């Protein structure tokens, strides 16, 4: 009986902790809070990758 009560208390505490947990992601915050800089950074990365892969494009 005593173990089941302890298990219920631990389970309730764990469920409350999981319900309050919010993950903080710098990348998500960048697009949510600073949309201009987030999209500017993403665009610059795509442009740099495009230039890099274009340099391997076969020439005539």
Protein backbone atom coordinates (compact mmCIF):
# COMPACT_ATOMS: atom_id res chain seq x y z
CA UNK A 1 0.00 0.00 0.00
CA UNK A 2 2.77 2.39 0.91
CA UNK A 3 4.62 1.87 -2.39
CA UNK A 4 1.53 2.57 -4.48
CA UNK A 5 0.92 5.87 -2.66
CA UNK A 6 4.54 6.87 -3.19
CA UNK A 7 4.30 5.86 -6.84
CA UNK A 8 1.16 7.98 -7.27
CA UNK A 9 2.87 11.00 -5.70
CA UNK A 10 5.94 10.61 -7.92
CA UNK A 11 3.77 10.10 -11.01
CA UNK A 12 1.71 13.21 -10.26
CA UNK A 13 4.85 15.27 -9.69
CA UNK A 14 6.40 14.00 -12.93
CA UNK A 15 3.25 14.78 -14.93
CA UNK A 16 3.20 18.32 -13.53
CA UNK A 17 6.85 18.82 -14.45
CA UNK A 18 6.27 17.55 -18.00
CA UNK A 19 3.25 19.82 -18.43
CA UNK A 20 5.28 22.92 -17.47
CA UNK A 21 8.36 22.06 -19.56
CA UNK A 22 9.01 24.37 -22.51
CA UNK A 23 12.04 23.91 -24.69
CA UNK A 24 13.96 27.04 -25.56
CA UNK A 25 15.49 26.87 -29.00
CA UNK A 26 17.69 29.68 -30.25
CA UNK A 27 16.76 28.94 -33.86
CA UNK A 28 13.03 28.98 -33.12
CA UNK A 29 13.40 32.19 -31.11
CA UNK A 30 15.31 33.74 -33.99
CA UNK A 31 12.38 33.22 -36.36
CA UNK A 32 9.70 34.10 -33.80
CA UNK A 33 11.24 37.13 -32.12
CA UNK A 34 13.55 38.50 -34.84
CA UNK A 35 11.93 37.54 -38.11
CA UNK A 36 14.06 39.87 -40.23
CA UNK A 37 17.41 38.53 -38.99
CA UNK A 38 16.19 34.95 -39.04
CA UNK A 39 15.13 35.10 -42.67
CA UNK A 40 18.19 37.17 -43.59
CA UNK A 41 20.48 34.54 -42.07
CA UNK A 42 18.63 31.69 -43.74
CA UNK A 43 18.73 33.49 -47.10
CA UNK A 44 22.46 34.15 -46.81
CA UNK A 45 23.12 30.48 -46.01
CA UNK A 46 21.10 29.38 -49.06
CA UNK A 47 22.93 31.87 -51.30
CA UNK A 48 26.33 30.71 -50.03
CA UNK A 49 25.40 27.06 -50.61
CA UNK A 50 24.15 27.96 -54.09
CA UNK A 51 27.45 29.66 -54.95
CA UNK A 52 29.41 26.71 -53.55
CA UNK A 53 27.49 24.09 -55.53
CA UNK A 54 27.38 26.28 -58.66
CA UNK A 55 31.20 26.29 -58.64
CA UNK A 56 31.09 22.51 -59.31
CA UNK A 57 28.61 22.89 -62.19
CA UNK A 58 30.21 21.56 -65.40
CA UNK A 59 31.23 24.28 -67.81
CA UNK A 60 31.01 24.12 -71.62
